[in-house]
Amino acid sequence: MAWTPSAGRGTIFTWTTVYRSTRPEFADDVPYTLAVVELSDFPVLVPARLRGVAPLAAKIGTSVEARFEDLTPEVSLLYWVVDDAQS
């Protein structure tokens, strides 16, 4: 296995809205939507939070793109946003 760059785009394969977090770090964020995204350039499914979409408003097949939130200089979290250029 090896790291391979990706365009960071894909479509929502499935999603769920979280109303009760199992992690105390995310307890104040509920409700939030988790999306499993099928990448456009690899046959891979990648789960991460979907931002900018109201709970229960996500739609399977929506084009999304990857973004990253830097928590520390060493740690970044992946999240998805709707790809307005592709929608």
PDB file of N, CA and C in Angstrom:
ATOM      1  N   MET A   1       0.840  -1.172   0.000  1.00  0.00           N
ATOM      2  CA  MET A   1       0.000   0.000   0.000  1.00  0.00           C
ATOM      3  C   MET A   1       0.883   1.233   0.000  1.00  0.00           C
ATOM      4  N   ALA A   2       0.349   2.299  -0.589  1.00  0.00           N
ATOM      5  CA  ALA A   2       1.101   3.551  -0.653  1.00  0.00           C
ATOM      6  C   ALA A   2       0.127   4.720  -0.662  1.00  0.00           C
ATOM      7  N   TRP A   3       0.576   5.870  -0.189  1.00  0.00           N
ATOM      8  CA  TRP A   3      -0.217   7.084  -0.253  1.00  0.00           C
ATOM      9  C   TRP A   3      -0.278   7.548  -1.698  1.00  0.00           C
ATOM     10  N   THR A   4      -1.458   7.919  -2.155  1.00  0.00           N
ATOM     11  CA  THR A   4      -1.650   8.408  -3.511  1.00  0.00           C
ATOM     12  C   THR A   4      -2.516   9.660  -3.449  1.00  0.00           C
ATOM     13  N   PRO A   5      -2.088  10.743  -4.084  1.00  0.00           N
ATOM     14  CA  PRO A   5      -2.910  11.965  -4.066  1.00  0.00           C
ATOM     15  C   PRO A   5      -4.271  11.741  -4.727  1.00  0.00           C
ATOM     16  N   SER A   6      -5.270  12.429  -4.205  1.00  0.00           N
ATOM     17  CA  SER A   6      -6.617  12.367  -4.748  1.00  0.00           C
ATOM     18  C   SER A   6      -7.082  13.789  -5.047  1.00  0.00           C
ATOM     19  N   ALA A   7      -8.025  13.914  -5.963  1.00  0.00           N
ATOM     20  CA  ALA A   7      -8.601  15.219  -6.267  1.00  0.00           C
ATOM     21  C   ALA A   7      -9.456  15.733  -5.105  1.00  0.00           C
ATOM     22  N   GLY A   8      -9.856  14.816  -4.206  1.00  0.00           N
ATOM     23  CA  GLY A   8     -10.650  15.224  -3.052  1.00  0.00           C
ATOM     24  C   GLY A   8     -12.096  15.531  -3.381  1.00  0.00           C
ATOM     25  N   ARG A   9     -12.597  14.888  -4.435  1.00  0.00           N
ATOM     26  CA  ARG A   9     -13.990  15.082  -4.832  1.00  0.00           C
ATOM     27  C   ARG A   9     -14.688  13.720  -4.914  1.00  0.00           C
ATOM     28  N   GLY A  10     -15.999  13.757  -4.744  1.00  0.00           N
ATOM     29  CA  GLY A  10     -16.767  12.531  -4.846  1.00  0.00           C
ATOM     30  C   GLY A  10     -18.239  12.820  -4.711  1.00  0.00           C
ATOM     31  N   THR A  11     -19.024  11.757  -4.496  1.00  0.00           N
ATOM     32  CA  THR A  11     -20.465  11.893  -4.317  1.00  0.00           C
ATOM     33  C   THR A  11     -20.883  11.172  -3.042  1.00  0.00           C
ATOM     34  N   ILE A  12     -21.934  11.685  -2.433  1.00  0.00           N
ATOM     35  CA  ILE A  12     -22.435  11.065  -1.205  1.00  0.00           C
ATOM     36  C   ILE A  12     -23.010   9.698  -1.544  1.00  0.00           C
ATOM     37  N   PHE A  13     -22.472   8.661  -0.905  1.00  0.00           N
ATOM     38  CA  PHE A  13     -22.913   7.280  -1.077  1.00  0.00           C
ATOM     39  C   PHE A  13     -24.036   6.970  -0.084  1.00  0.00           C
ATOM     40  N   THR A  14     -23.857   7.443   1.153  1.00  0.00           N
ATOM     41  CA  THR A  14     -24.864   7.310   2.206  1.00  0.00           C
ATOM     42  C   THR A  14     -24.535   8.324   3.291  1.00  0.00           C
ATOM     43  N   TRP A  15     -25.478   8.537   4.195  1.00  0.00           N
ATOM     44  CA  TRP A  15     -25.253   9.506   5.270  1.00  0.00           C
ATOM     45  C   TRP A  15     -26.172   9.199   6.442  1.00  0.00           C
ATOM     46  N   THR A  16     -25.858   9.797   7.582  1.00  0.00           N
ATOM     47  CA  THR A  16     -26.694   9.690   8.766  1.00  0.00           C
ATOM     48  C   THR A  16     -26.539  10.963   9.579  1.00  0.00           C
ATOM     49  N   THR A  17     -27.565  11.303  10.320  1.00  0.00           N
ATOM     50  CA  THR A  17     -27.488  12.443  11.223  1.00  0.00           C
ATOM     51  C   THR A  17     -27.294  11.918  12.639  1.00  0.00           C
ATOM     52  N   VAL A  18     -26.298  12.460  13.311  1.00  0.00           N
ATOM     53  CA  VAL A  18     -25.954  12.054  14.678  1.00  0.00           C
ATOM     54  C   VAL A  18     -26.640  13.000  15.656  1.00  0.00           C
ATOM     55  N   TYR A  19     -27.422  12.428  16.556  1.00  0.00           N
ATOM     56  CA  TYR A  19     -28.108  13.220  17.570  1.00  0.00           C
ATOM     57  C   TYR A  19     -27.518  13.027  18.960  1.00  0.00           C
ATOM     58  N   ARG A  20     -26.720  11.972  19.105  1.00  0.00           N
ATOM     59  CA  ARG A  20     -26.119  11.679  20.409  1.00  0.00           C
ATOM     60  C   ARG A  20     -24.700  11.188  20.161  1.00  0.00           C
ATOM     61  N   SER A  21     -23.736  12.034  20.463  1.00  0.00           N
ATOM     62  CA  SER A  21     -22.347  11.696  20.189  1.00  0.00           C
ATOM     63  C   SER A  21     -21.810  10.698  21.204  1.00  0.00           C
ATOM     64  N   THR A  22     -21.012   9.782  20.723  1.00  0.00           N
ATOM     65  CA  THR A  22     -20.355   8.825  21.617  1.00  0.00           C
ATOM     66  C   THR A  22     -19.032   9.376  22.129  1.00  0.00           C
ATOM     67  N   ARG A  23     -18.618  10.522  21.620  1.00  0.00           N
ATOM     68  CA  ARG A  23     -17.353  11.156  22.023  1.00  0.00           C
ATOM     69  C   ARG A  23     -17.656  12.471  22.728  1.00  0.00           C
ATOM     70  N   PRO A  24     -17.122  12.668  23.920  1.00  0.00           N
ATOM     71  CA  PRO A  24     -17.392  13.920  24.629  1.00  0.00           C
ATOM     72  C   PRO A  24     -16.897  15.158  23.878  1.00  0.00           C
ATOM     73  N   GLU A  25     -15.871  14.989  23.041  1.00  0.00           N
ATOM     74  CA  GLU A  25     -15.326  16.114  22.282  1.00  0.00           C
ATOM     75  C   GLU A  25     -16.344  16.687  21.285  1.00  0.00           C
ATOM     76  N   PHE A  26     -17.313  15.873  20.869  1.00  0.00           N
ATOM     77  CA  PHE A  26     -18.285  16.291  19.863  1.00  0.00           C
ATOM     78  C   PHE A  26     -19.691  16.469  20.439  1.00  0.00           C
ATOM     79  N   ALA A  27     -19.850  16.346  21.739  1.00  0.00           N
ATOM     80  CA  ALA A  27     -21.175  16.413  22.366  1.00  0.00           C
ATOM     81  C   ALA A  27     -21.875  17.740  22.101  1.00  0.00           C
ATOM     82  N   ASP A  28     -21.135  18.832  22.057  1.00  0.00           N
ATOM     83  CA  ASP A  28     -21.746  20.145  21.827  1.00  0.00           C
ATOM     84  C   ASP A  28     -22.087  20.380  20.357  1.00  0.00           C
ATOM     85  N   ASP A  29     -21.652  19.498  19.464  1.00  0.00           N
ATOM     86  CA  ASP A  29     -21.875  19.675  18.024  1.00  0.00           C
ATOM     87  C   ASP A  29     -23.159  19.044  17.508  1.00  0.00           C
ATOM     88  N   VAL A  30     -23.806  18.187  18.298  1.00  0.00           N
ATOM     89  CA  VAL A  30     -24.996  17.479  17.813  1.00  0.00           C
ATOM     90  C   VAL A  30     -26.157  18.445  17.634  1.00  0.00           C
ATOM     91  N   PRO A  31     -27.012  18.245  16.636  1.00  0.00           N
ATOM     92  CA  PRO A  31     -26.918  17.194  15.627  1.00  0.00           C
ATOM     93  C   PRO A  31     -25.938  17.583  14.519  1.00  0.00           C
ATOM     94  N   TYR A  32     -25.268  16.573  13.962  1.00  0.00           N
ATOM     95  CA  TYR A  32     -24.396  16.780  12.807  1.00  0.00           C
ATOM     96  C   TYR A  32     -24.538  15.591  11.868  1.00  0.00           C
ATOM     97  N   THR A  33     -24.123  15.807  10.628  1.00  0.00           N
ATOM     98  CA  THR A  33     -24.293  14.779   9.606  1.00  0.00           C
ATOM     99  C   THR A  33     -22.956  14.154   9.259  1.00  0.00           C
ATOM    100  N   LEU A  34     -22.931  12.830   9.245  1.00  0.00           N
ATOM    101  CA  LEU A  34     -21.775  12.069   8.779  1.00  0.00           C
ATOM    102  C   LEU A  34     -22.114  11.525   7.400  1.00  0.00           C
ATOM    103  N   ALA A  35     -21.207  11.712   6.458  1.00  0.00           N
ATOM    104  CA  ALA A  35     -21.420  11.223   5.099  1.00  0.00           C
ATOM    105  C   ALA A  35     -20.329  10.237   4.711  1.00  0.00           C
ATOM    106  N   VAL A  36     -20.713   9.197   4.018  1.00  0.00           N
ATOM    107  CA  VAL A  36     -19.765   8.280   3.399  1.00  0.00           C
ATOM    108  C   VAL A  36     -19.732   8.662   1.927  1.00  0.00           C
ATOM    109  N   VAL A  37     -18.542   9.038   1.451  1.00  0.00           N
ATOM    110  CA  VAL A  37     -18.391   9.578   0.103  1.00  0.00           C
ATOM    111  C   VAL A  37     -17.598   8.618  -0.766  1.00  0.00           C
ATOM    112  N   GLU A  38     -18.111   8.372  -1.971  1.00  0.00           N
ATOM    113  CA  GLU A  38     -17.394   7.577  -2.964  1.00  0.00           C
ATOM    114  C   GLU A  38     -16.527   8.538  -3.775  1.00  0.00           C
ATOM    115  N   LEU A  39     -15.220   8.362  -3.696  1.00  0.00           N
ATOM    116  CA  LEU A  39     -14.301   9.249  -4.399  1.00  0.00           C
ATOM    117  C   LEU A  39     -14.477   9.131  -5.906  1.00  0.00           C
ATOM    118  N   SER A  40     -14.254  10.244  -6.609  1.00  0.00           N
ATOM    119  CA  SER A  40     -14.409  10.237  -8.065  1.00  0.00           C
ATOM    120  C   SER A  40     -13.214   9.633  -8.785  1.00  0.00           C
ATOM    121  N   ASP A  41     -12.051   9.622  -8.133  1.00  0.00           N
ATOM    122  CA  ASP A  41     -10.857   9.129  -8.824  1.00  0.00           C
ATOM    123  C   ASP A  41     -10.324   7.791  -8.305  1.00  0.00           C
ATOM    124  N   PHE A  42     -10.974   7.221  -7.294  1.00  0.00           N
ATOM    125  CA  PHE A  42     -10.584   5.906  -6.765  1.00  0.00           C
ATOM    126  C   PHE A  42     -11.838   5.179  -6.308  1.00  0.00           C
ATOM    127  N   PRO A  43     -11.879   3.855  -6.384  1.00  0.00           N
ATOM    128  CA  PRO A  43     -13.042   3.112  -5.896  1.00  0.00           C
ATOM    129  C   PRO A  43     -12.968   2.933  -4.377  1.00  0.00           C
ATOM    130  N   VAL A  44     -13.058   4.045  -3.669  1.00  0.00           N
ATOM    131  CA  VAL A  44     -12.897   4.049  -2.217  1.00  0.00           C
ATOM    132  C   VAL A  44     -14.040   4.834  -1.591  1.00  0.00           C
ATOM    133  N   LEU A  45     -14.542   4.358  -0.447  1.00  0.00           N
ATOM    134  CA  LEU A  45     -15.544   5.069   0.335  1.00  0.00           C
ATOM    135  C   LEU A  45     -14.859   5.704   1.533  1.00  0.00           C
ATOM    136  N   VAL A  46     -15.099   7.013   1.746  1.00  0.00           N
ATOM    137  CA  VAL A  46     -14.412   7.750   2.805  1.00  0.00           C
ATOM    138  C   VAL A  46     -15.455   8.435   3.696  1.00  0.00           C
ATOM    139  N   PRO A  47     -15.505   8.073   4.985  1.00  0.00           N
ATOM    140  CA  PRO A  47     -16.452   8.713   5.894  1.00  0.00           C
ATOM    141  C   PRO A  47     -15.857   9.971   6.533  1.00  0.00           C
ATOM    142  N   ALA A  48     -16.702  10.980   6.703  1.00  0.00           N
ATOM    143  CA  ALA A  48     -16.312  12.201   7.424  1.00  0.00           C
ATOM    144  C   ALA A  48     -17.559  13.044   7.625  1.00  0.00           C
ATOM    145  N   ARG A  49     -17.437  14.058   8.446  1.00  0.00           N
ATOM    146  CA  ARG A  49     -18.555  14.961   8.702  1.00  0.00           C
ATOM    147  C   ARG A  49     -18.872  15.781   7.454  1.00  0.00           C
ATOM    148  N   LEU A  50     -20.161  16.011   7.222  1.00  0.00           N
ATOM    149  CA  LEU A  50     -20.626  16.858   6.134  1.00  0.00           C
ATOM    150  C   LEU A  50     -21.024  18.198   6.745  1.00  0.00           C
ATOM    151  N   ARG A  51     -20.395  19.271   6.297  1.00  0.00           N
ATOM    152  CA  ARG A  51     -20.671  20.592   6.864  1.00  0.00           C
ATOM    153  C   ARG A  51     -21.413  21.467   5.862  1.00  0.00           C
ATOM    154  N   GLY A  52     -22.175  22.411   6.395  1.00  0.00           N
ATOM    155  CA  GLY A  52     -22.898  23.352   5.549  1.00  0.00           C
ATOM    156  C   GLY A  52     -24.211  22.821   5.018  1.00  0.00           C
ATOM    157  N   VAL A  53     -24.647  21.682   5.524  1.00  0.00           N
ATOM    158  CA  VAL A  53     -25.917  21.078   5.117  1.00  0.00           C
ATOM    159  C   VAL A  53     -26.716  20.814   6.391  1.00  0.00           C
ATOM    160  N   ALA A  54     -27.957  21.265   6.410  1.00  0.00           N
ATOM    161  CA  ALA A  54     -28.802  21.081   7.588  1.00  0.00           C
ATOM    162  C   ALA A  54     -29.027  19.591   7.856  1.00  0.00           C
ATOM    163  N   PRO A  55     -29.168  19.208   9.127  1.00  0.00           N
ATOM    164  CA  PRO A  55     -29.482  17.814   9.428  1.00  0.00           C
ATOM    165  C   PRO A  55     -30.713  17.363   8.643  1.00  0.00           C
ATOM    166  N   LEU A  56     -30.666  16.174   8.138  1.00  0.00           N
ATOM    167  CA  LEU A  56     -31.719  15.533   7.346  1.00  0.00           C
ATOM    168  C   LEU A  56     -31.871  16.119   5.945  1.00  0.00           C
ATOM    169  N   ALA A  57     -30.978  17.035   5.532  1.00  0.00           N
ATOM    170  CA  ALA A  57     -31.088  17.638   4.203  1.00  0.00           C
ATOM    171  C   ALA A  57     -30.080  17.080   3.204  1.00  0.00           C
ATOM    172  N   ALA A  58     -29.192  16.201   3.645  1.00  0.00           N
ATOM    173  CA  ALA A  58     -28.216  15.607   2.729  1.00  0.00           C
ATOM    174  C   ALA A  58     -28.941  14.727   1.713  1.00  0.00           C
ATOM    175  N   LYS A  59     -28.343  14.592   0.539  1.00  0.00           N
ATOM    176  CA  LYS A  59     -28.947  13.761  -0.509  1.00  0.00           C
ATOM    177  C   LYS A  59     -27.881  12.856  -1.137  1.00  0.00           C
ATOM    178  N   ILE A  60     -28.216  11.582  -1.269  1.00  0.00           N
ATOM    179  CA  ILE A  60     -27.327  10.639  -1.932  1.00  0.00           C
ATOM    180  C   ILE A  60     -27.096  11.106  -3.360  1.00  0.00           C
ATOM    181  N   GLY A  61     -25.845  11.044  -3.811  1.00  0.00           N
ATOM    182  CA  GLY A  61     -25.492  11.468  -5.157  1.00  0.00           C
ATOM    183  C   GLY A  61     -25.006  12.902  -5.254  1.00  0.00           C
ATOM    184  N   THR A  62     -25.117  13.674  -4.172  1.00  0.00           N
ATOM    185  CA  THR A  62     -24.646  15.057  -4.174  1.00  0.00           C
ATOM    186  C   THR A  62     -23.135  15.099  -4.323  1.00  0.00           C
ATOM    187  N   SER A  63     -22.639  15.980  -5.183  1.00  0.00           N
ATOM    188  CA  SER A  63     -21.188  16.157  -5.354  1.00  0.00           C
ATOM    189  C   SER A  63     -20.627  16.938  -4.171  1.00  0.00           C
ATOM    190  N   VAL A  64     -19.522  16.437  -3.631  1.00  0.00           N
ATOM    191  CA  VAL A  64     -18.867  17.082  -2.490  1.00  0.00           C
ATOM    192  C   VAL A  64     -17.373  17.164  -2.729  1.00  0.00           C
ATOM    193  N   GLU A  65     -16.728  18.012  -1.945  1.00  0.00           N
ATOM    194  CA  GLU A  65     -15.279  18.103  -2.008  1.00  0.00           C
ATOM    195  C   GLU A  65     -14.707  18.108  -0.601  1.00  0.00           C
ATOM    196  N   ALA A  66     -13.478  17.637  -0.480  1.00  0.00           N
ATOM    197  CA  ALA A  66     -12.807  17.514   0.810  1.00  0.00           C
ATOM    198  C   ALA A  66     -12.241  18.850   1.253  1.00  0.00           C
ATOM    199  N   ARG A  67     -12.318  19.066   2.550  1.00  0.00           N
ATOM    200  CA  ARG A  67     -11.665  20.192   3.216  1.00  0.00           C
ATOM    201  C   ARG A  67     -11.037  19.643   4.490  1.00  0.00           C
ATOM    202  N   PHE A  68     -10.138  20.417   5.061  1.00  0.00           N
ATOM    203  CA  PHE A  68      -9.462  19.987   6.282  1.00  0.00           C
ATOM    204  C   PHE A  68      -9.484  21.098   7.314  1.00  0.00           C
ATOM    205  N   GLU A  69      -9.730  20.723   8.558  1.00  0.00           N
ATOM    206  CA  GLU A  69      -9.659  21.643   9.685  1.00  0.00           C
ATOM    207  C   GLU A  69      -8.412  21.286  10.488  1.00  0.00           C
ATOM    208  N   ASP A  70      -7.512  22.244  10.629  1.00  0.00           N
ATOM    209  CA  ASP A  70      -6.292  22.019  11.406  1.00  0.00           C
ATOM    210  C   ASP A  70      -6.601  22.211  12.885  1.00  0.00           C
ATOM    211  N   LEU A  71      -6.503  21.113  13.648  1.00  0.00           N
ATOM    212  CA  LEU A  71      -6.735  21.179  15.085  1.00  0.00           C
ATOM    213  C   LEU A  71      -5.472  21.571  15.832  1.00  0.00           C
ATOM    214  N   THR A  72      -4.353  21.030  15.364  1.00  0.00           N
ATOM    215  CA  THR A  72      -3.024  21.354  15.898  1.00  0.00           C
ATOM    216  C   THR A  72      -2.087  21.335  14.695  1.00  0.00           C
ATOM    217  N   PRO A  73      -0.833  21.735  14.862  1.00  0.00           N
ATOM    218  CA  PRO A  73       0.102  21.640  13.733  1.00  0.00           C
ATOM    219  C   PRO A  73       0.289  20.212  13.214  1.00  0.00           C
ATOM    220  N   GLU A  74      -0.005  19.218  14.041  1.00  0.00           N
ATOM    221  CA  GLU A  74       0.183  17.820  13.649  1.00  0.00           C
ATOM    222  C   GLU A  74      -1.111  17.099  13.280  1.00  0.00           C
ATOM    223  N   VAL A  75      -2.266  17.653  13.654  1.00  0.00           N
ATOM    224  CA  VAL A  75      -3.532  16.940  13.488  1.00  0.00           C
ATOM    225  C   VAL A  75      -4.524  17.786  12.694  1.00  0.00           C
ATOM    226  N   SER A  76      -5.059  17.188  11.620  1.00  0.00           N
ATOM    227  CA  SER A  76      -6.105  17.815  10.813  1.00  0.00           C
ATOM    228  C   SER A  76      -7.260  16.835  10.661  1.00  0.00           C
ATOM    229  N   LEU A  77      -8.480  17.359  10.629  1.00  0.00           N
ATOM    230  CA  LEU A  77      -9.664  16.531  10.424  1.00  0.00           C
ATOM    231  C   LEU A  77     -10.251  16.785   9.046  1.00  0.00           C
ATOM    232  N   LEU A  78     -10.542  15.712   8.339  1.00  0.00           N
ATOM    233  CA  LEU A  78     -11.218  15.781   7.051  1.00  0.00           C
ATOM    234  C   LEU A  78     -12.689  16.064   7.276  1.00  0.00           C
ATOM    235  N   TYR A  79     -13.279  16.901   6.421  1.00  0.00           N
ATOM    236  CA  TYR A  79     -14.728  17.053   6.374  1.00  0.00           C
ATOM    237  C   TYR A  79     -15.126  17.317   4.929  1.00  0.00           C
ATOM    238  N   TRP A  80     -16.424  17.139   4.640  1.00  0.00           N
ATOM    239  CA  TRP A  80     -16.948  17.322   3.285  1.00  0.00           C
ATOM    240  C   TRP A  80     -17.815  18.555   3.227  1.00  0.00           C
ATOM    241  N   VAL A  81     -17.811  19.242   2.067  1.00  0.00           N
ATOM    242  CA  VAL A  81     -18.728  20.347   1.770  1.00  0.00           C
ATOM    243  C   VAL A  81     -19.310  20.103   0.382  1.00  0.00           C
ATOM    244  N   VAL A  82     -20.501  20.635   0.149  1.00  0.00           N
ATOM    245  CA  VAL A  82     -21.113  20.499  -1.165  1.00  0.00           C
ATOM    246  C   VAL A  82     -20.242  21.233  -2.183  1.00  0.00           C
ATOM    247  N   ASP A  83     -19.982  20.568  -3.304  1.00  0.00           N
ATOM    248  CA  ASP A  83     -19.151  21.125  -4.375  1.00  0.00           C
ATOM    249  C   ASP A  83     -20.060  21.927  -5.301  1.00  0.00           C
ATOM    250  N   ASP A  84     -20.154  23.228  -5.054  1.00  0.00           N
ATOM    251  CA  ASP A  84     -21.052  24.082  -5.838  1.00  0.00           C
ATOM    252  C   ASP A  84     -20.716  24.074  -7.321  1.00  0.00           C
ATOM    253  N   ALA A  85     -19.443  23.895  -7.676  1.00  0.00           N
ATOM    254  CA  ALA A  85     -19.044  23.896  -9.080  1.00  0.00           C
ATOM    255  C   ALA A  85     -19.558  22.665  -9.813  1.00  0.00           C
ATOM    256  N   GLN A  86     -19.806  21.567  -9.098  1.00  0.00           N
ATOM    257  CA  GLN A  86     -20.237  20.323  -9.720  1.00  0.00           C
ATOM    258  C   GLN A  86     -21.730  20.043  -9.561  1.00  0.00           C
ATOM    259  N   SER A  87     -22.402  20.773  -8.680  1.00  0.00           N
ATOM    260  CA  SER A  87     -23.830  20.497  -8.414  1.00  0.00           C
ATOM    261  C   SER A  87     -24.729  21.033  -9.492  1.00  0.00           C
TER     262      SER A  87
END
